[in-house]
Structure formats: structure tokens, C-alpha cells
Amino acid sequence: MRIGGHRPVDEPDINLVPLIDVILVLVIFFVVTATFEGRSALKLELPRATGEAAQAGDPLDVIVNADGRYFVEDREVLQPGADALKATIRDVGGGEHDRPVMLRADAKTPYQAVITAQEALGQLGYRRILLAVANPPAAAAGAE
């Protein structure tokens, strides 16, 4: 006969396999969504100018970043040169040559890249080309 009734104690254990599976799925989700950042947030530092802002209806946006790469609306021009830029402008802009074009170039953009964009727009028949600039801060504008 047993006195004291010694029973084996069941120790609880934690199964880590489902936890590892969840963490792996989260890591894959964050890696995949991090690549979707894309070009929607191009950082441009526009040159500064004073004066009145020109009003345009719905302009076609042509963006030149600091590296001299071109973007038309939200599409990047993958090939360098004016021919690829003109093809992209034709695709995005269609045949509306009366539509104004807002040319946005970073302050550090090579001057040749801006001239190439203006030349391509002119060859396609766009005549209303607006250059985007940033207004100077109020304190700097009053000092000049």
C-alpha cells in the first residue's frame, strides 16, 4: 500500500511551432509591403522664387529628380534620353497638346535634364509649360 499517494506532476509546456509560424508570416508580410513604397513619395527640393503663382487647370506632371531621372505623372521613364521620355509623355498625356504641363525639377537636377524635358515637350506640341518653384519662407522673402 502506498502512503502519500505520489502522483507524477504534469508540467505545462508551451508549443512554440504555432508561434514561430505566426512570426514567419508577419516577417514575410512586412518584407513584401516594404517593397510597395515605390515612387509615390518622390522627394523634390524645388528651387525658390518670388512672385505670383500661375493657375493651371489639370496639368500633366513631368518630374525630374536630382539624379536626372524622369517621371510622367506616376510612371517612371525607364530608358535615358529624349526618345523614351517622348514615348512616355505620348502614352500618359494622350493627344491633348493644349493641356498645360507642370515641369517639376529638383533644385539639384542637372540643367541638361530640364532642357531635355522642355525640348521633348516642345517637339510633341506642348506650348504651355509651367515650371514649379517653391515660395521662399516669409522671413527670407522680407529680407531681400
Protein backbone atom coordinates (compact mmCIF):
# COMPACT_ATOMS: atom_id res chain seq x y z
CA MET A 1 0.00 0.00 0.00
CA ARG A 2 1.20 3.47 -0.83
CA ILE A 3 1.06 6.09 1.72
CA GLY A 4 1.31 9.62 0.46
CA GLY A 5 -0.07 8.89 -2.97
CA HIS A 6 2.75 10.26 -5.01
CA ARG A 7 1.43 11.20 -8.44
CA PRO A 8 3.66 12.45 -11.24
CA VAL A 9 3.19 16.19 -11.68
CA ASP A 10 2.21 17.26 -15.17
CA GLU A 11 4.28 20.26 -16.11
CA PRO A 12 2.67 22.51 -18.65
CA ASP A 13 4.69 23.11 -21.80
CA ILE A 14 4.30 25.75 -24.50
CA ASN A 15 4.23 24.61 -28.08
CA LEU A 16 6.41 27.08 -29.99
CA VAL A 17 5.67 25.86 -33.51
CA PRO A 18 2.47 27.93 -33.99
CA LEU A 19 4.23 30.99 -32.55
CA ILE A 20 7.12 30.59 -34.99
CA ASP A 21 4.66 30.19 -37.87
CA VAL A 22 2.88 33.43 -36.96
CA ILE A 23 6.16 35.34 -36.65
CA LEU A 24 7.35 34.00 -40.01
CA VAL A 25 4.11 35.14 -41.70
CA LEU A 26 4.46 38.60 -40.13
CA VAL A 27 8.07 38.92 -41.29
CA ILE A 28 7.10 37.95 -44.85
CA PHE A 29 4.20 40.42 -44.77
CA PHE A 30 6.43 43.31 -43.67
CA VAL A 31 9.14 42.49 -46.22
CA VAL A 32 6.63 42.37 -49.08
CA THR A 33 4.80 45.55 -48.08
CA ALA A 34 8.08 47.43 -47.63
CA THR A 35 8.76 47.00 -51.36
CA PHE A 36 5.43 48.67 -52.24
CA GLU A 37 6.72 52.08 -51.16
CA GLY A 38 7.54 52.82 -54.78
CA ARG A 39 7.74 56.25 -56.35
CA SER A 40 4.63 57.78 -54.89
CA ALA A 41 6.68 59.85 -52.50
CA LEU A 42 9.39 61.43 -54.60
CA LYS A 43 11.36 63.90 -52.56
CA LEU A 44 11.98 67.05 -54.56
CA GLU A 45 13.58 70.21 -53.30
CA LEU A 46 12.14 72.81 -55.66
CA PRO A 47 14.13 75.92 -56.49
CA ARG A 48 12.89 79.07 -54.75
CA ALA A 49 11.35 82.10 -56.46
CA THR A 50 9.19 85.06 -55.57
CA GLY A 51 6.17 86.30 -57.47
CA GLU A 52 2.64 85.29 -58.33
CA ALA A 53 1.74 81.68 -58.89
CA ALA A 54 0.30 80.79 -62.29
CA GLN A 55 -3.01 78.95 -62.19
CA ALA A 56 -3.42 75.85 -64.32
CA GLY A 57 -6.43 73.58 -64.66
CA ASP A 58 -5.32 69.95 -64.58
CA PRO A 59 -1.67 69.97 -65.67
CA LEU A 60 0.32 67.00 -66.87
CA ASP A 61 3.10 66.47 -64.31
CA VAL A 62 6.61 65.85 -65.60
CA ILE A 63 9.08 65.34 -62.75
CA VAL A 64 12.88 65.35 -62.95
CA ASN A 65 14.57 64.15 -59.78
CA ALA A 66 18.02 65.13 -58.51
CA ASP A 67 19.63 62.24 -60.44
CA GLY A 68 18.14 63.44 -63.74
CA ARG A 69 15.59 60.60 -63.98
CA TYR A 70 12.17 61.41 -65.46
CA PHE A 71 8.66 60.62 -64.21
CA VAL A 72 5.45 61.44 -66.11
CA GLU A 73 2.54 61.53 -63.67
CA ASP A 74 3.21 58.31 -61.71
CA ARG A 75 5.17 56.44 -64.41
CA GLU A 76 8.94 56.33 -64.44
CA VAL A 77 10.77 56.70 -67.76
CA LEU A 78 13.00 53.65 -67.67
CA GLN A 79 15.28 54.44 -70.62
CA PRO A 80 17.52 57.51 -70.59
CA GLY A 81 17.16 60.07 -73.34
CA ALA A 82 14.54 62.20 -75.05
CA ASP A 83 13.00 59.43 -77.18
CA ALA A 84 11.91 57.35 -74.19
CA LEU A 85 10.65 60.50 -72.46
CA LYS A 86 8.59 61.47 -75.51
CA ALA A 87 7.11 57.97 -75.76
CA THR A 88 6.06 58.05 -72.10
CA ILE A 89 4.57 61.55 -72.45
CA ARG A 90 2.59 60.35 -75.50
CA ASP A 91 1.30 57.32 -73.55
CA VAL A 92 0.29 59.25 -70.44
CA GLY A 93 -0.73 62.60 -71.91
CA GLY A 94 -2.52 61.32 -74.96
CA GLY A 95 -3.14 63.84 -77.71
CA GLU A 96 -4.12 66.78 -75.52
CA HIS A 97 -1.46 69.29 -76.59
CA ASP A 98 -3.50 72.21 -75.20
CA ARG A 99 -3.20 70.76 -71.70
CA PRO A 100 -0.69 72.66 -69.53
CA VAL A 101 2.41 70.80 -68.37
CA MET A 102 3.85 71.31 -64.88
CA LEU A 103 7.59 70.64 -65.06
CA ARG A 104 8.87 69.88 -61.55
CA ALA A 105 12.64 69.62 -61.24
CA ASP A 106 14.69 69.22 -58.08
CA ALA A 107 16.96 72.16 -57.24
CA LYS A 108 19.96 69.86 -57.65
CA THR A 109 18.85 68.49 -61.02
CA PRO A 110 21.40 68.81 -63.83
CA TYR A 111 20.38 71.68 -66.11
CA GLN A 112 20.65 69.46 -69.20
CA ALA A 113 17.92 67.16 -67.85
CA VAL A 114 15.50 70.11 -67.57
CA ILE A 115 16.35 71.33 -71.08
CA THR A 116 15.87 67.79 -72.46
CA ALA A 117 12.41 67.65 -70.87
CA GLN A 118 11.46 71.06 -72.28
CA GLU A 119 12.73 70.09 -75.73
CA ALA A 120 10.78 66.81 -75.69
CA LEU A 121 7.60 68.62 -74.66
CA GLY A 122 8.10 71.23 -77.38
CA GLN A 123 8.66 68.58 -80.06
CA LEU A 124 5.41 66.89 -79.03
CA GLY A 125 3.50 70.16 -79.44
CA TYR A 126 3.04 71.22 -75.82
CA ARG A 127 3.27 75.01 -75.61
CA ARG A 128 2.02 75.74 -72.07
CA ILE A 129 4.93 74.58 -69.91
CA LEU A 130 4.92 75.76 -66.31
CA LEU A 131 7.98 75.45 -64.06
CA ALA A 132 7.27 74.57 -60.43
CA VAL A 133 9.13 76.52 -57.77
CA ALA A 134 8.83 76.77 -54.00
CA ASN A 135 7.96 80.07 -52.37
CA PRO A 136 10.68 81.32 -50.03
CA PRO A 137 9.95 81.42 -46.32
CA ALA A 138 8.26 84.65 -45.18
CA ALA A 139 11.32 85.83 -43.19
CA ALA A 140 13.71 85.32 -46.13
CA ALA A 141 11.32 86.99 -48.59
CA GLY A 142 11.07 90.13 -46.43
CA ALA A 143 14.84 90.37 -46.04
CA GLU A 144 15.52 90.67 -49.77
